Protein backbone atom coordinates (compact mmCIF):
# COMPACT_ATOMS: atom_id res chain seq x y z
CA UNK A 1 -0.14 -0.05 -0.14
CA UNK A 2 1.40 3.56 -0.86
CA UNK A 3 1.95 5.83 2.23
CA UNK A 4 -0.40 8.28 1.13
CA UNK A 5 -3.17 5.64 0.92
CA UNK A 6 -2.58 4.74 4.48
CA UNK A 7 -2.67 8.26 5.79
CA UNK A 8 -6.03 8.84 3.92
CA UNK A 9 -7.44 5.80 5.56
CA UNK A 10 -6.34 6.98 9.00
CA UNK A 11 -7.38 10.42 8.75
CA UNK A 12 -10.81 9.85 7.41
CA UNK A 13 -12.43 8.01 10.41
CA UNK A 14 -11.00 10.72 12.68
CA UNK A 15 -12.57 13.55 10.40
CA UNK A 16 -15.97 11.57 10.66
CA UNK A 17 -15.69 11.30 14.58
CA UNK A 18 -14.81 14.99 14.70
CA UNK A 19 -17.81 15.66 12.72
CA UNK A 20 -20.19 13.50 14.93
CA UNK A 21 -18.64 15.31 17.94
CA UNK A 22 -19.49 18.64 16.72
CA UNK A 23 -23.25 17.52 15.49
CA UNK A 24 -23.98 15.84 18.66
CA UNK A 25 -22.60 19.03 20.67
CA UNK A 26 -20.35 16.75 22.48
CA UNK A 27 -18.02 18.09 25.33
CA UNK A 28 -14.42 17.05 24.37
CA UNK A 29 -11.58 17.87 26.57
CA UNK A 30 -10.07 21.32 26.44
CA UNK A 31 -6.99 20.16 25.02
CA UNK A 32 -8.57 18.29 22.25
CA UNK A 33 -10.56 21.37 20.81
CA UNK A 34 -7.20 23.42 21.19
CA UNK A 35 -5.13 20.91 19.16
CA UNK A 36 -7.84 20.81 16.74
CA UNK A 37 -7.86 24.57 16.29
CA UNK A 38 -4.20 24.84 16.22
CA UNK A 39 -4.12 22.08 13.53
CA UNK A 40 -6.94 23.88 11.45
CA UNK A 41 -4.95 27.16 11.66
CA UNK A 42 -1.83 25.15 10.52
CA UNK A 43 -3.47 23.66 7.71
CA UNK A 44 -4.87 27.13 6.52
CA UNK A 45 -1.40 28.79 6.69
CA UNK A 46 0.01 25.72 4.74
CA UNK A 47 -2.59 26.15 1.99
CA UNK A 48 -1.61 30.07 1.82
CA UNK A 49 2.23 29.13 1.58
CA UNK A 50 1.65 26.59 -1.11
CA UNK A 51 -0.55 29.24 -3.13
CA UNK A 52 2.44 31.85 -2.52
CA UNK A 53 5.21 29.20 -3.40
CA UNK A 54 3.23 28.37 -6.66
CA UNK A 55 2.38 31.97 -7.51
CA UNK A 56 5.48 33.57 -6.88
CA UNK A 57 8.40 31.40 -6.28
CA UNK A 58 8.05 28.89 -8.74
CA UNK A 59 6.80 31.47 -11.38
CA UNK A 60 9.92 33.78 -11.04
CA UNK A 61 12.33 30.84 -11.07
CA UNK A 62 10.73 29.72 -14.25
CA UNK A 63 11.18 33.32 -15.75
CA UNK A 64 14.68 33.67 -14.88
CA UNK A 65 15.57 30.13 -14.91
């Protein structure tokens, strides 16, 4: 099995569990919600960095390459 397939199979049930927790208004521990928020913000920052890298850094490298 390829590594990205294994990580996807491991992360999908976690996403479903978090969704069920939110829909049922379950009270998770404070550290769980803090880590979930931190991970979400890290993911948003990573997507912005990827957009920046693909738009500016890679493009200027192709122009001056």
